[in-house]
C-alpha cells in the first residue's frame, strides 16, 4: 500500500511508502543482451569448436557473459535513487503541514503538485535504421519505470518539499487531493 492515513482529532498523519524501483534502462539492456550476446556467444562457441580453440572460446564467452551480468547488477539501482525514494511521514491540519521536524504554515504554501520527471523528458529517441528494436525496448522500459515514479511536491516560499516520491499515479493524485482538501486549498 503506497500510503496510509490516520486521524487524530483535527490532524491527519500520512505514512507514504515508495513503490518498488524499476530501472528505466533495464529492458533495453536485457533486449540487447538477449539478441546480441546469446547468438554471438553461440556463434563464437561453434567457431571455436570447429577450429580447435573450443575450450578457450567457451572460457572467453563465459567471462564476457559474467562481466555483462556484473555490470548490469552494479547499474541496477543508482545511489541517488535511494536518497530520493524514502518513506515520508507527515502531519496535516488546517493550519499547515509538519514534515521532517519542520512546520510549514498554510499561508506559506503556494501549491501542491504531482510530477513525473520521466514523462516530462523527450521520450521519442532518434532511431537509425536497424536499431528500432533496441529503441523500442528502451522506450517501453522507460514507460514502465514511469508508472512508479510520480512525486508529490509542495512549493513553499520558493522551495520544493517532497511529500512522497516513487509513487504510482493514483496514489500521488490521492495524496495531493487529500492534503489540499485538509488545507482548504483549491485543486487546479
N, C-alpha and C. Protein backbone atom coordinates (compact mmCIF):
# COMPACT_ATOMS: atom_id res chain seq x y z
N UNK A 1 0.85 -1.17 0.00
CA UNK A 1 0.00 0.00 0.00
C UNK A 1 0.90 1.24 0.00
N UNK A 2 0.76 2.11 -1.01
CA UNK A 2 1.64 3.27 -1.14
C UNK A 2 1.53 4.26 0.01
N UNK A 3 0.33 4.46 0.55
CA UNK A 3 0.23 5.38 1.68
C UNK A 3 -0.95 5.01 2.55
N UNK A 4 -0.83 5.40 3.82
CA UNK A 4 -1.90 5.20 4.78
C UNK A 4 -2.08 6.52 5.52
N UNK A 5 -3.29 6.77 5.94
CA UNK A 5 -3.53 7.97 6.74
C UNK A 5 -4.33 7.60 7.97
N UNK A 6 -4.03 8.34 9.04
CA UNK A 6 -4.75 8.11 10.30
C UNK A 6 -5.09 9.47 10.90
N UNK A 7 -6.28 9.54 11.49
CA UNK A 7 -6.76 10.80 12.06
C UNK A 7 -6.55 10.82 13.56
N UNK A 8 -6.21 12.01 14.07
CA UNK A 8 -6.06 12.23 15.49
C UNK A 8 -6.62 13.63 15.76
N UNK A 9 -7.87 13.70 16.19
CA UNK A 9 -8.59 14.96 16.39
C UNK A 9 -8.66 15.73 15.07
N UNK A 10 -8.01 16.88 14.99
CA UNK A 10 -8.10 17.68 13.76
C UNK A 10 -6.88 17.50 12.87
N UNK A 11 -5.97 16.56 13.20
CA UNK A 11 -4.78 16.31 12.39
C UNK A 11 -4.88 14.96 11.70
N UNK A 12 -4.31 14.89 10.52
CA UNK A 12 -4.24 13.63 9.78
C UNK A 12 -2.76 13.34 9.51
N UNK A 13 -2.33 12.14 9.88
CA UNK A 13 -0.95 11.73 9.65
C UNK A 13 -0.90 10.82 8.44
N UNK A 14 -0.01 11.14 7.52
CA UNK A 14 0.19 10.35 6.30
C UNK A 14 1.49 9.57 6.43
N UNK A 15 1.44 8.30 6.09
CA UNK A 15 2.62 7.45 6.03
C UNK A 15 2.76 7.00 4.58
N UNK A 16 3.72 7.59 3.86
CA UNK A 16 3.88 7.37 2.42
C UNK A 16 5.07 6.44 2.18
N UNK A 17 4.84 5.34 1.49
CA UNK A 17 5.88 4.36 1.16
C UNK A 17 6.07 4.32 -0.36
N UNK A 18 7.31 4.37 -0.85
CA UNK A 18 7.53 4.30 -2.30
C UNK A 18 7.27 2.90 -2.85
N UNK A 19 6.92 2.86 -4.12
CA UNK A 19 6.73 1.59 -4.82
C UNK A 19 8.11 0.98 -5.09
N UNK A 20 8.16 -0.34 -5.38
CA UNK A 20 9.45 -0.94 -5.74
C UNK A 20 10.04 -0.26 -6.99
N UNK A 21 11.34 -0.11 -6.99
CA UNK A 21 12.05 0.61 -8.05
C UNK A 21 12.11 -0.21 -9.33
N UNK A 22 11.89 0.44 -10.46
CA UNK A 22 12.06 -0.16 -11.77
C UNK A 22 13.09 0.68 -12.52
N UNK A 23 14.15 0.04 -12.99
CA UNK A 23 15.22 0.78 -13.67
C UNK A 23 14.76 1.18 -15.08
N UNK A 24 14.92 2.46 -15.44
CA UNK A 24 14.44 2.91 -16.75
C UNK A 24 15.21 2.33 -17.93
N UNK A 25 16.39 1.76 -17.73
CA UNK A 25 17.15 1.21 -18.85
C UNK A 25 17.24 -0.31 -18.80
N UNK A 26 16.55 -0.95 -17.87
CA UNK A 26 16.67 -2.40 -17.70
C UNK A 26 16.22 -3.22 -18.88
N UNK A 27 15.11 -2.85 -19.51
CA UNK A 27 14.58 -3.62 -20.64
C UNK A 27 15.47 -3.57 -21.85
N UNK A 28 16.04 -2.40 -22.13
CA UNK A 28 16.92 -2.26 -23.28
C UNK A 28 18.17 -3.11 -23.09
N UNK A 29 18.66 -3.15 -21.86
CA UNK A 29 19.83 -3.95 -21.58
C UNK A 29 19.53 -5.44 -21.79
N UNK A 30 18.39 -5.89 -21.28
CA UNK A 30 18.01 -7.29 -21.43
C UNK A 30 17.81 -7.64 -22.90
N UNK A 31 17.19 -6.71 -23.64
CA UNK A 31 16.94 -6.96 -25.05
C UNK A 31 18.24 -7.09 -25.81
N UNK A 32 19.17 -6.16 -25.56
CA UNK A 32 20.44 -6.20 -26.28
C UNK A 32 21.25 -7.42 -25.87
N UNK A 33 21.21 -7.77 -24.60
CA UNK A 33 21.95 -8.94 -24.13
C UNK A 33 21.38 -10.21 -24.75
N UNK A 34 20.07 -10.30 -24.80
CA UNK A 34 19.45 -11.49 -25.36
C UNK A 34 19.60 -11.60 -26.87
N UNK A 35 19.47 -10.49 -27.57
CA UNK A 35 19.51 -10.52 -29.03
C UNK A 35 20.91 -10.44 -29.61
N UNK A 36 21.84 -9.92 -28.86
CA UNK A 36 23.19 -9.77 -29.39
C UNK A 36 24.18 -10.73 -28.75
N UNK A 37 24.11 -10.89 -27.46
CA UNK A 37 25.11 -11.68 -26.75
C UNK A 37 24.91 -13.18 -26.93
N UNK A 38 23.69 -13.64 -26.80
CA UNK A 38 23.44 -15.08 -26.89
C UNK A 38 23.75 -15.63 -28.29
N UNK A 39 23.20 -15.05 -29.37
CA UNK A 39 23.58 -15.58 -30.69
C UNK A 39 25.07 -15.40 -30.98
N UNK A 40 25.65 -14.26 -30.55
CA UNK A 40 27.08 -14.06 -30.75
C UNK A 40 27.90 -15.08 -30.00
N UNK A 41 27.50 -15.39 -28.77
CA UNK A 41 28.20 -16.40 -27.99
C UNK A 41 28.10 -17.78 -28.61
N UNK A 42 26.91 -18.12 -29.09
CA UNK A 42 26.75 -19.43 -29.75
C UNK A 42 27.59 -19.51 -31.03
N UNK A 43 27.65 -18.41 -31.77
CA UNK A 43 28.46 -18.39 -32.98
C UNK A 43 29.94 -18.58 -32.65
N UNK A 44 30.43 -17.87 -31.62
CA UNK A 44 31.84 -18.00 -31.24
C UNK A 44 32.16 -19.40 -30.71
N UNK A 45 31.23 -19.98 -29.98
CA UNK A 45 31.45 -21.34 -29.47
C UNK A 45 31.53 -22.33 -30.63
N UNK A 46 30.60 -22.22 -31.57
CA UNK A 46 30.63 -23.13 -32.71
C UNK A 46 31.88 -22.90 -33.56
N UNK A 47 32.29 -21.66 -33.72
CA UNK A 47 33.51 -21.35 -34.45
C UNK A 47 34.72 -21.92 -33.72
N UNK A 48 34.74 -21.78 -32.41
CA UNK A 48 35.85 -22.31 -31.62
C UNK A 48 35.92 -23.82 -31.66
N UNK A 49 34.77 -24.49 -31.61
CA UNK A 49 34.77 -25.95 -31.66
C UNK A 49 35.24 -26.46 -33.02
N UNK A 50 34.92 -25.72 -34.06
CA UNK A 50 35.31 -26.17 -35.40
C UNK A 50 36.78 -25.86 -35.70
N UNK A 51 37.36 -24.90 -34.99
CA UNK A 51 38.75 -24.54 -35.29
C UNK A 51 39.76 -25.12 -34.29
N UNK A 52 39.30 -25.79 -33.28
CA UNK A 52 40.22 -26.40 -32.32
C UNK A 52 40.48 -25.54 -31.09
N UNK A 53 39.94 -24.34 -31.05
CA UNK A 53 40.12 -23.47 -29.89
C UNK A 53 38.85 -23.45 -29.03
N UNK A 54 38.13 -24.53 -28.98
CA UNK A 54 36.83 -24.61 -28.31
C UNK A 54 36.85 -24.23 -26.85
N UNK A 55 37.79 -24.78 -26.08
CA UNK A 55 37.83 -24.52 -24.65
C UNK A 55 38.13 -23.04 -24.39
N UNK A 56 39.05 -22.48 -25.14
CA UNK A 56 39.40 -21.08 -24.97
C UNK A 56 38.21 -20.17 -25.31
N UNK A 57 37.50 -20.49 -26.37
CA UNK A 57 36.33 -19.69 -26.75
C UNK A 57 35.23 -19.79 -25.72
N UNK A 58 35.00 -20.97 -25.18
CA UNK A 58 33.96 -21.15 -24.16
C UNK A 58 34.31 -20.35 -22.91
N UNK A 59 35.58 -20.36 -22.52
CA UNK A 59 36.01 -19.59 -21.35
C UNK A 59 35.83 -18.10 -21.60
N UNK A 60 36.22 -17.62 -22.77
CA UNK A 60 36.07 -16.19 -23.09
C UNK A 60 34.60 -15.79 -23.11
N UNK A 61 33.72 -16.62 -23.67
CA UNK A 61 32.29 -16.31 -23.70
C UNK A 61 31.71 -16.29 -22.28
N UNK A 62 32.13 -17.24 -21.45
CA UNK A 62 31.63 -17.28 -20.08
C UNK A 62 32.09 -16.04 -19.31
N UNK A 63 33.34 -15.63 -19.52
CA UNK A 63 33.82 -14.41 -18.87
C UNK A 63 33.07 -13.18 -19.36
N UNK A 64 32.78 -13.12 -20.65
CA UNK A 64 32.03 -11.99 -21.21
C UNK A 64 30.63 -11.91 -20.64
N UNK A 65 29.96 -13.05 -20.56
CA UNK A 65 28.60 -13.08 -20.00
C UNK A 65 28.65 -12.70 -18.52
N UNK A 66 29.62 -13.22 -17.80
CA UNK A 66 29.75 -12.89 -16.38
C UNK A 66 30.03 -11.41 -16.16
N UNK A 67 30.88 -10.81 -16.98
CA UNK A 67 31.18 -9.40 -16.88
C UNK A 67 29.95 -8.55 -17.20
N UNK A 68 29.22 -8.94 -18.23
CA UNK A 68 28.00 -8.23 -18.60
C UNK A 68 26.97 -8.29 -17.47
N UNK A 69 26.81 -9.45 -16.84
CA UNK A 69 25.88 -9.60 -15.72
C UNK A 69 26.33 -8.75 -14.53
N UNK A 70 27.64 -8.73 -14.26
CA UNK A 70 28.18 -7.94 -13.15
C UNK A 70 27.93 -6.45 -13.37
N UNK A 71 28.14 -5.95 -14.58
CA UNK A 71 27.88 -4.54 -14.89
C UNK A 71 26.39 -4.24 -14.75
N UNK A 72 25.54 -5.16 -15.18
CA UNK A 72 24.10 -4.97 -15.05
C UNK A 72 23.70 -4.87 -13.58
N UNK A 73 24.26 -5.71 -12.74
CA UNK A 73 23.92 -5.68 -11.32
C UNK A 73 24.42 -4.39 -10.66
N UNK A 74 25.59 -3.89 -11.06
CA UNK A 74 26.10 -2.65 -10.49
C UNK A 74 25.24 -1.45 -10.87
N UNK A 75 24.71 -1.48 -12.08
CA UNK A 75 23.92 -0.33 -12.55
C UNK A 75 22.44 -0.51 -12.28
N UNK A 76 22.07 -1.50 -11.52
CA UNK A 76 20.66 -1.79 -11.28
C UNK A 76 19.92 -0.66 -10.58
N UNK A 77 20.50 -0.09 -9.54
CA UNK A 77 19.82 0.95 -8.77
C UNK A 77 20.82 2.00 -8.33
N UNK A 78 20.81 3.16 -8.95
CA UNK A 78 21.76 4.21 -8.57
C UNK A 78 21.55 4.64 -7.12
N UNK A 79 22.64 5.09 -6.49
CA UNK A 79 22.60 5.50 -5.09
C UNK A 79 21.67 6.69 -4.88
N UNK A 80 21.62 7.59 -5.84
CA UNK A 80 20.78 8.78 -5.71
C UNK A 80 19.30 8.40 -5.61
N UNK A 81 18.93 7.26 -6.17
CA UNK A 81 17.53 6.80 -6.10
C UNK A 81 17.17 6.50 -4.65
N UNK A 82 18.08 5.86 -3.91
CA UNK A 82 17.82 5.56 -2.50
C UNK A 82 17.68 6.82 -1.67
N UNK A 83 18.36 7.90 -2.09
CA UNK A 83 18.28 9.15 -1.34
C UNK A 83 16.97 9.88 -1.57
N UNK A 84 16.34 9.67 -2.72
CA UNK A 84 15.09 10.36 -3.05
C UNK A 84 13.87 9.51 -2.70
N UNK A 85 13.92 8.23 -2.99
CA UNK A 85 12.77 7.35 -2.78
C UNK A 85 12.78 6.82 -1.35
N UNK A 86 12.51 7.70 -0.40
CA UNK A 86 12.48 7.29 1.00
C UNK A 86 11.06 7.43 1.54
N UNK A 87 10.70 6.62 2.52
CA UNK A 87 9.37 6.77 3.13
C UNK A 87 9.25 8.12 3.82
N UNK A 88 8.08 8.70 3.74
CA UNK A 88 7.82 10.01 4.36
C UNK A 88 6.63 9.88 5.31
N UNK A 89 6.74 10.53 6.45
CA UNK A 89 5.64 10.62 7.40
C UNK A 89 5.45 12.11 7.68
N UNK A 90 4.23 12.59 7.47
CA UNK A 90 3.95 14.00 7.73
C UNK A 90 2.54 14.15 8.26
N UNK A 91 2.32 15.27 8.95
CA UNK A 91 1.04 15.56 9.58
C UNK A 91 0.45 16.81 8.94
N UNK A 92 -0.86 16.76 8.66
CA UNK A 92 -1.55 17.89 8.04
C UNK A 92 -2.74 18.29 8.91
N UNK A 93 -2.89 19.59 9.11
CA UNK A 93 -4.10 20.13 9.73
C UNK A 93 -4.46 21.40 8.96
N UNK A 94 -5.50 22.06 9.36
CA UNK A 94 -5.95 23.24 8.61
C UNK A 94 -4.94 24.38 8.68
N UNK A 95 -4.01 24.34 9.61
CA UNK A 95 -3.01 25.39 9.74
C UNK A 95 -1.75 25.19 8.94
N UNK A 96 -1.48 23.94 8.49
CA UNK A 96 -0.27 23.69 7.71
C UNK A 96 0.16 22.23 7.73
N UNK A 97 1.41 22.02 7.35
CA UNK A 97 1.98 20.67 7.24
C UNK A 97 3.25 20.60 8.07
N UNK A 98 3.40 19.50 8.82
CA UNK A 98 4.63 19.25 9.57
C UNK A 98 5.29 18.02 8.97
N UNK A 99 6.52 18.22 8.46
CA UNK A 99 7.27 17.13 7.83
C UNK A 99 8.74 17.27 8.17
N UNK A 100 9.38 16.18 8.50
CA UNK A 100 10.80 16.15 8.85
C UNK A 100 11.15 17.15 9.95
N UNK A 101 10.26 17.33 10.90
CA UNK A 101 10.51 18.21 12.02
C UNK A 101 10.29 19.70 11.74
N UNK A 102 9.88 20.04 10.54
CA UNK A 102 9.62 21.44 10.19
C UNK A 102 8.14 21.64 9.93
N UNK A 103 7.63 22.78 10.35
CA UNK A 103 6.23 23.10 10.14
C UNK A 103 6.13 24.20 9.08
N UNK A 104 5.28 23.96 8.09
CA UNK A 104 5.03 24.91 7.02
C UNK A 104 3.61 25.42 7.17
N UNK A 105 3.46 26.74 7.35
CA UNK A 105 2.13 27.32 7.54
C UNK A 105 1.34 27.31 6.24
N UNK A 106 0.04 27.24 6.38
CA UNK A 106 -0.88 27.18 5.24
C UNK A 106 -0.67 28.37 4.30
N UNK A 107 -0.46 29.55 4.85
CA UNK A 107 -0.33 30.75 4.01
C UNK A 107 1.01 30.80 3.28
N UNK A 108 2.00 29.99 3.70
CA UNK A 108 3.30 29.95 3.01
C UNK A 108 3.35 28.91 1.90
N UNK A 109 2.33 28.08 1.78
CA UNK A 109 2.30 27.03 0.76
C UNK A 109 1.63 27.58 -0.49
N UNK A 110 2.40 27.68 -1.60
CA UNK A 110 1.85 28.21 -2.84
C UNK A 110 0.96 27.18 -3.55
N UNK A 111 1.49 25.97 -3.71
CA UNK A 111 0.71 24.92 -4.37
C UNK A 111 1.29 23.55 -4.05
N UNK A 112 0.49 22.54 -4.36
CA UNK A 112 0.90 21.14 -4.24
C UNK A 112 0.67 20.52 -5.60
N UNK A 113 1.68 19.84 -6.14
CA UNK A 113 1.53 19.29 -7.48
C UNK A 113 2.06 17.87 -7.55
N UNK A 114 1.67 17.19 -8.62
CA UNK A 114 2.15 15.84 -8.92
C UNK A 114 3.05 15.96 -10.15
N UNK A 115 4.25 15.41 -10.05
CA UNK A 115 5.20 15.46 -11.16
C UNK A 115 5.74 14.08 -11.44
N UNK A 116 6.18 13.90 -12.68
CA UNK A 116 6.87 12.68 -13.07
C UNK A 116 7.98 13.06 -14.04
N UNK A 117 9.23 13.11 -13.56
CA UNK A 117 10.31 13.56 -14.43
C UNK A 117 10.58 12.66 -15.63
N UNK A 118 10.22 11.39 -15.55
CA UNK A 118 10.42 10.51 -16.69
C UNK A 118 9.45 10.80 -17.83
N UNK A 119 8.32 11.42 -17.52
CA UNK A 119 7.35 11.74 -18.56
C UNK A 119 7.53 13.14 -19.12
N UNK A 120 8.31 13.98 -18.45
CA UNK A 120 8.50 15.34 -18.95
C UNK A 120 9.66 15.44 -19.93
N UNK A 121 10.50 14.42 -20.00
CA UNK A 121 11.61 14.43 -20.93
C UNK A 121 11.13 13.98 -22.30
N UNK A 122 11.85 14.37 -23.34
CA UNK A 122 11.50 13.94 -24.69
C UNK A 122 11.69 12.44 -24.77
N UNK A 123 10.61 11.72 -25.02
CA UNK A 123 10.68 10.27 -25.00
C UNK A 123 10.67 9.64 -26.39
N UNK A 124 10.90 10.43 -27.43
CA UNK A 124 10.97 9.87 -28.78
C UNK A 124 12.42 9.86 -29.24
N UNK A 125 13.09 8.72 -29.10
CA UNK A 125 14.52 8.68 -29.43
C UNK A 125 14.76 8.75 -30.94
N UNK A 126 15.91 9.29 -31.32
CA UNK A 126 16.32 9.29 -32.71
C UNK A 126 16.80 7.89 -33.04
N UNK A 127 16.20 7.26 -34.02
CA UNK A 127 16.50 5.87 -34.34
C UNK A 127 17.04 5.78 -35.76
N UNK A 128 18.22 5.19 -35.87
CA UNK A 128 18.75 4.91 -37.19
C UNK A 128 18.22 3.57 -37.66
N UNK A 129 18.22 3.37 -38.93
CA UNK A 129 17.70 2.13 -39.49
C UNK A 129 18.49 0.94 -38.94
N UNK A 130 17.77 -0.04 -38.48
CA UNK A 130 18.38 -1.24 -37.95
C UNK A 130 18.40 -1.30 -36.43
N UNK A 131 18.12 -0.19 -35.75
CA UNK A 131 18.16 -0.16 -34.28
C UNK A 131 16.77 0.06 -33.68
N UNK A 132 15.72 -0.18 -34.44
CA UNK A 132 14.37 0.08 -33.95
C UNK A 132 14.01 -0.79 -32.76
N UNK A 133 14.41 -2.04 -32.79
CA UNK A 133 14.08 -2.96 -31.69
C UNK A 133 14.69 -2.51 -30.38
N UNK A 134 15.94 -2.10 -30.41
CA UNK A 134 16.60 -1.62 -29.21
C UNK A 134 15.93 -0.35 -28.69
N UNK A 135 15.62 0.58 -29.60
CA UNK A 135 14.97 1.84 -29.20
C UNK A 135 13.58 1.59 -28.63
N UNK A 136 12.84 0.67 -29.22
CA UNK A 136 11.51 0.33 -28.71
C UNK A 136 11.60 -0.31 -27.33
N UNK A 137 12.57 -1.19 -27.13
CA UNK A 137 12.74 -1.82 -25.82
C UNK A 137 13.11 -0.79 -24.77
N UNK A 138 13.99 0.15 -25.13
CA UNK A 138 14.39 1.20 -24.19
C UNK A 138 13.20 2.09 -23.86
N UNK A 139 12.41 2.46 -24.87
CA UNK A 139 11.25 3.31 -24.64
C UNK A 139 10.21 2.60 -23.76
N UNK A 140 9.94 1.33 -24.05
CA UNK A 140 8.96 0.58 -23.26
C UNK A 140 9.41 0.45 -21.80
N UNK A 141 10.71 0.23 -21.57
CA UNK A 141 11.20 0.11 -20.20
C UNK A 141 11.09 1.45 -19.47
N UNK A 142 11.37 2.54 -20.18
CA UNK A 142 11.25 3.86 -19.57
C UNK A 142 9.80 4.15 -19.19
N UNK A 143 8.86 3.78 -20.04
CA UNK A 143 7.45 4.00 -19.74
C UNK A 143 7.00 3.12 -18.57
N UNK A 144 7.54 1.90 -18.47
CA UNK A 144 7.24 1.04 -17.33
C UNK A 144 7.78 1.64 -16.04
N UNK A 145 9.01 2.16 -16.08
CA UNK A 145 9.59 2.79 -14.90
C UNK A 145 8.81 4.05 -14.51
N UNK A 146 8.24 4.75 -15.50
CA UNK A 146 7.49 5.98 -15.21
C UNK A 146 6.21 5.70 -14.43
N UNK A 147 5.68 4.49 -14.49
CA UNK A 147 4.44 4.18 -13.78
C UNK A 147 4.61 4.24 -12.26
N UNK A 148 5.84 4.11 -11.77
CA UNK A 148 6.09 4.16 -10.32
C UNK A 148 7.10 5.26 -9.98
N UNK A 149 7.02 6.38 -10.68
CA UNK A 149 7.98 7.46 -10.47
C UNK A 149 7.29 8.81 -10.28
N UNK A 150 6.09 8.81 -9.74
CA UNK A 150 5.38 10.07 -9.50
C UNK A 150 5.81 10.67 -8.17
N UNK A 151 5.91 12.01 -8.15
CA UNK A 151 6.29 12.75 -6.96
C UNK A 151 5.15 13.66 -6.56
N UNK A 152 4.95 13.82 -5.26
CA UNK A 152 4.04 14.83 -4.75
C UNK A 152 4.92 15.91 -4.13
N UNK A 153 4.84 17.12 -4.70
CA UNK A 153 5.74 18.20 -4.32
C UNK A 153 4.92 19.39 -3.81
N UNK A 154 5.33 19.91 -2.66
CA UNK A 154 4.72 21.10 -2.10
C UNK A 154 5.69 22.26 -2.32
N UNK A 155 5.19 23.35 -2.88
CA UNK A 155 6.01 24.54 -3.10
C UNK A 155 5.73 25.52 -1.97
N UNK A 156 6.77 25.85 -1.18
CA UNK A 156 6.60 26.74 -0.06
C UNK A 156 7.74 27.75 -0.03
N UNK A 157 7.39 29.02 -0.18
CA UNK A 157 8.38 30.10 -0.20
C UNK A 157 9.50 29.86 -1.20
N UNK A 158 9.15 29.33 -2.37
CA UNK A 158 10.14 29.09 -3.42
C UNK A 158 10.97 27.85 -3.26
N UNK A 159 10.67 27.02 -2.28
CA UNK A 159 11.44 25.81 -2.02
C UNK A 159 10.53 24.59 -2.22
N UNK A 160 10.95 23.62 -3.04
CA UNK A 160 10.15 22.41 -3.17
C UNK A 160 10.37 21.48 -1.98
N UNK A 161 9.29 20.94 -1.45
CA UNK A 161 9.35 19.97 -0.36
C UNK A 161 8.61 18.73 -0.84
N UNK A 162 9.29 17.59 -0.82
CA UNK A 162 8.71 16.35 -1.32
C UNK A 162 7.86 15.70 -0.24
N UNK A 163 6.60 15.47 -0.56
CA UNK A 163 5.70 14.76 0.35
C UNK A 163 5.70 13.26 0.06
N UNK A 164 6.17 12.88 -1.11
CA UNK A 164 6.27 11.48 -1.48
C UNK A 164 6.93 11.34 -2.83
N UNK A 165 7.81 10.35 -2.96
CA UNK A 165 8.49 10.08 -4.23
C UNK A 165 8.41 8.59 -4.52
N UNK A 166 8.37 8.26 -5.82
CA UNK A 166 8.33 6.85 -6.20
C UNK A 166 6.95 6.24 -6.05
N UNK A 167 5.92 7.03 -6.35
CA UNK A 167 4.54 6.57 -6.19
C UNK A 167 3.91 6.24 -7.54
N UNK A 168 2.82 5.50 -7.51
CA UNK A 168 2.05 5.33 -8.74
C UNK A 168 1.14 6.55 -8.90
N UNK A 169 0.57 6.71 -10.07
CA UNK A 169 -0.19 7.92 -10.38
C UNK A 169 -1.41 8.10 -9.48
N UNK A 170 -2.12 7.02 -9.21
CA UNK A 170 -3.33 7.12 -8.39
C UNK A 170 -3.01 7.54 -6.95
N UNK A 171 -1.96 6.95 -6.38
CA UNK A 171 -1.58 7.30 -5.01
C UNK A 171 -1.11 8.75 -4.92
N UNK A 172 -0.33 9.19 -5.90
CA UNK A 172 0.16 10.57 -5.89
C UNK A 172 -0.98 11.57 -5.99
N UNK A 173 -1.93 11.31 -6.88
CA UNK A 173 -3.08 12.21 -7.01
C UNK A 173 -3.98 12.18 -5.77
N UNK A 174 -4.10 11.01 -5.15
CA UNK A 174 -4.91 10.89 -3.93
C UNK A 174 -4.27 11.67 -2.78
N UNK A 175 -2.96 11.58 -2.65
CA UNK A 175 -2.27 12.34 -1.59
C UNK A 175 -2.43 13.83 -1.84
N UNK A 176 -2.23 14.27 -3.08
CA UNK A 176 -2.39 15.69 -3.40
C UNK A 176 -3.81 16.17 -3.08
N UNK A 177 -4.80 15.37 -3.45
CA UNK A 177 -6.19 15.74 -3.20
C UNK A 177 -6.50 15.78 -1.70
N UNK A 178 -6.08 14.77 -0.96
CA UNK A 178 -6.34 14.72 0.49
C UNK A 178 -5.68 15.88 1.22
N UNK A 179 -4.41 16.14 0.90
CA UNK A 179 -3.69 17.22 1.58
C UNK A 179 -4.29 18.57 1.21
N UNK A 180 -4.63 18.78 -0.05
CA UNK A 180 -5.23 20.05 -0.48
C UNK A 180 -6.57 20.28 0.21
N UNK A 181 -7.38 19.22 0.30
CA UNK A 181 -8.68 19.36 0.98
C UNK A 181 -8.52 19.68 2.46
N UNK A 182 -7.55 19.03 3.13
CA UNK A 182 -7.33 19.29 4.54
C UNK A 182 -6.84 20.72 4.78
N UNK A 183 -6.06 21.25 3.85
CA UNK A 183 -5.57 22.62 3.98
C UNK A 183 -6.58 23.66 3.50
N UNK A 184 -7.64 23.19 2.84
CA UNK A 184 -8.63 24.12 2.29
C UNK A 184 -8.15 24.82 1.04
N UNK A 185 -7.24 24.16 0.31
CA UNK A 185 -6.71 24.72 -0.93
C UNK A 185 -7.52 24.22 -2.12
N UNK A 186 -7.62 25.04 -3.13
CA UNK A 186 -8.31 24.67 -4.37
C UNK A 186 -7.36 23.87 -5.24
N UNK A 187 -7.82 22.73 -5.74
CA UNK A 187 -7.02 21.90 -6.64
C UNK A 187 -7.24 22.40 -8.05
N UNK A 188 -6.14 22.78 -8.73
CA UNK A 188 -6.29 23.28 -10.09
C UNK A 188 -5.89 22.25 -11.11
